[in-house]
């Protein structure tokens, strides 16, 4: 089993958060209320400028029905991103 770097996993998490929110047509304001974070913080996360806290990531996964380890695997990540793009 290949262990991914923290940077690679963080990039995937940020990308997934943005893509999943957009796919579900949820505004940043609405998601921020659900996660208990500010819009500025979410924007920085989605743009890859800041890593989400463990709590924010786990809460996000629970809200969207994702497995929290999805970003650990390049294959799982690509599969999910492909699904999000195909069904737009």
Protein backbone atom coordinates (compact mmCIF):
# COMPACT_ATOMS: atom_id res chain seq x y z
CA UNK A 1 0.00 0.00 0.00
CA UNK A 2 1.40 3.35 -1.01
CA UNK A 3 1.23 6.11 1.58
CA UNK A 4 0.32 9.45 0.01
CA UNK A 5 1.93 12.70 1.09
CA UNK A 6 -0.02 15.06 3.31
CA UNK A 7 0.17 17.73 0.62
CA UNK A 8 -1.36 15.44 -2.02
CA UNK A 9 -4.18 14.38 0.30
CA UNK A 10 -4.87 17.98 1.36
CA UNK A 11 -5.10 19.05 -2.31
CA UNK A 12 -7.61 16.30 -2.98
CA UNK A 13 -9.69 17.23 0.06
CA UNK A 14 -9.84 20.88 -1.00
CA UNK A 15 -10.76 19.93 -4.54
CA UNK A 16 -13.42 17.47 -3.40
CA UNK A 17 -14.99 20.01 -1.07
CA UNK A 18 -15.30 22.52 -3.89
CA UNK A 19 -16.55 20.04 -6.50
CA UNK A 20 -19.07 18.36 -4.20
CA UNK A 21 -20.50 21.68 -3.05
CA UNK A 22 -20.84 22.95 -6.62
CA UNK A 23 -22.31 19.66 -7.84
CA UNK A 24 -24.99 19.81 -5.15
CA UNK A 25 -25.65 23.50 -5.92
CA UNK A 26 -25.05 24.59 -2.35
CA UNK A 27 -23.83 28.11 -1.69
CA UNK A 28 -20.79 28.78 0.42
CA UNK A 29 -23.01 30.59 2.92
CA UNK A 30 -25.25 27.56 3.44
CA UNK A 31 -22.34 25.15 3.75
CA UNK A 32 -20.54 27.46 6.16
CA UNK A 33 -23.55 27.45 8.48
CA UNK A 34 -23.62 23.66 8.42
CA UNK A 35 -19.89 23.36 9.12
CA UNK A 36 -19.73 26.23 11.61
CA UNK A 37 -16.99 28.09 9.73
CA UNK A 38 -16.77 31.46 8.00
CA UNK A 39 -17.18 31.98 4.28
CA UNK A 40 -13.65 33.36 4.08
CA UNK A 41 -12.28 30.18 5.63
CA UNK A 42 -14.26 27.96 3.25
CA UNK A 43 -13.07 30.00 0.29
CA UNK A 44 -9.44 29.54 1.36
CA UNK A 45 -10.00 25.80 1.77
CA UNK A 46 -11.68 25.42 -1.62
CA UNK A 47 -8.89 27.37 -3.28
CA UNK A 48 -6.24 25.19 -1.65
CA UNK A 49 -4.75 28.00 0.41
CA UNK A 50 -5.68 26.41 3.73
CA UNK A 51 -6.22 22.84 4.91
CA UNK A 52 -9.56 22.13 6.58
CA UNK A 53 -9.58 21.02 10.19
CA UNK A 54 -10.20 17.35 10.85
CA UNK A 55 -13.60 18.29 12.27
CA UNK A 56 -14.56 20.32 9.17
CA UNK A 57 -13.56 17.48 6.86
CA UNK A 58 -15.40 14.83 8.86
CA UNK A 59 -18.52 17.03 9.14
CA UNK A 60 -18.34 17.70 5.39
CA UNK A 61 -18.11 13.97 4.66
CA UNK A 62 -21.08 13.27 6.89
CA UNK A 63 -23.17 15.99 5.20
CA UNK A 64 -22.42 14.66 1.71
CA UNK A 65 -22.32 10.95 2.50
CA UNK A 66 -18.63 10.55 1.67
CA UNK A 67 -16.16 8.17 3.23
CA UNK A 68 -13.58 10.28 5.02
CA UNK A 69 -10.69 8.28 3.59
CA UNK A 70 -11.65 9.01 -0.04
CA UNK A 71 -8.81 11.50 -0.43
CA UNK A 72 -6.18 8.98 0.68
CA UNK A 73 -6.49 7.05 -2.58
CA UNK A 74 -5.72 8.66 -5.94
CA UNK A 75 -7.99 6.09 -7.62
CA UNK A 76 -10.96 6.72 -5.31
CA UNK A 77 -10.47 10.45 -5.69
CA UNK A 78 -10.36 10.31 -9.50
CA UNK A 79 -13.40 8.05 -9.62
CA UNK A 80 -15.43 10.44 -7.46
CA UNK A 81 -14.32 13.51 -9.39
CA UNK A 82 -15.22 11.75 -12.63
CA UNK A 83 -18.70 11.00 -11.27
CA UNK A 84 -19.19 14.62 -10.25
CA UNK A 85 -18.18 15.83 -13.73
CA UNK A 86 -20.23 13.26 -15.69
CA UNK A 87 -23.52 13.93 -13.96
CA UNK A 88 -23.49 17.72 -14.17
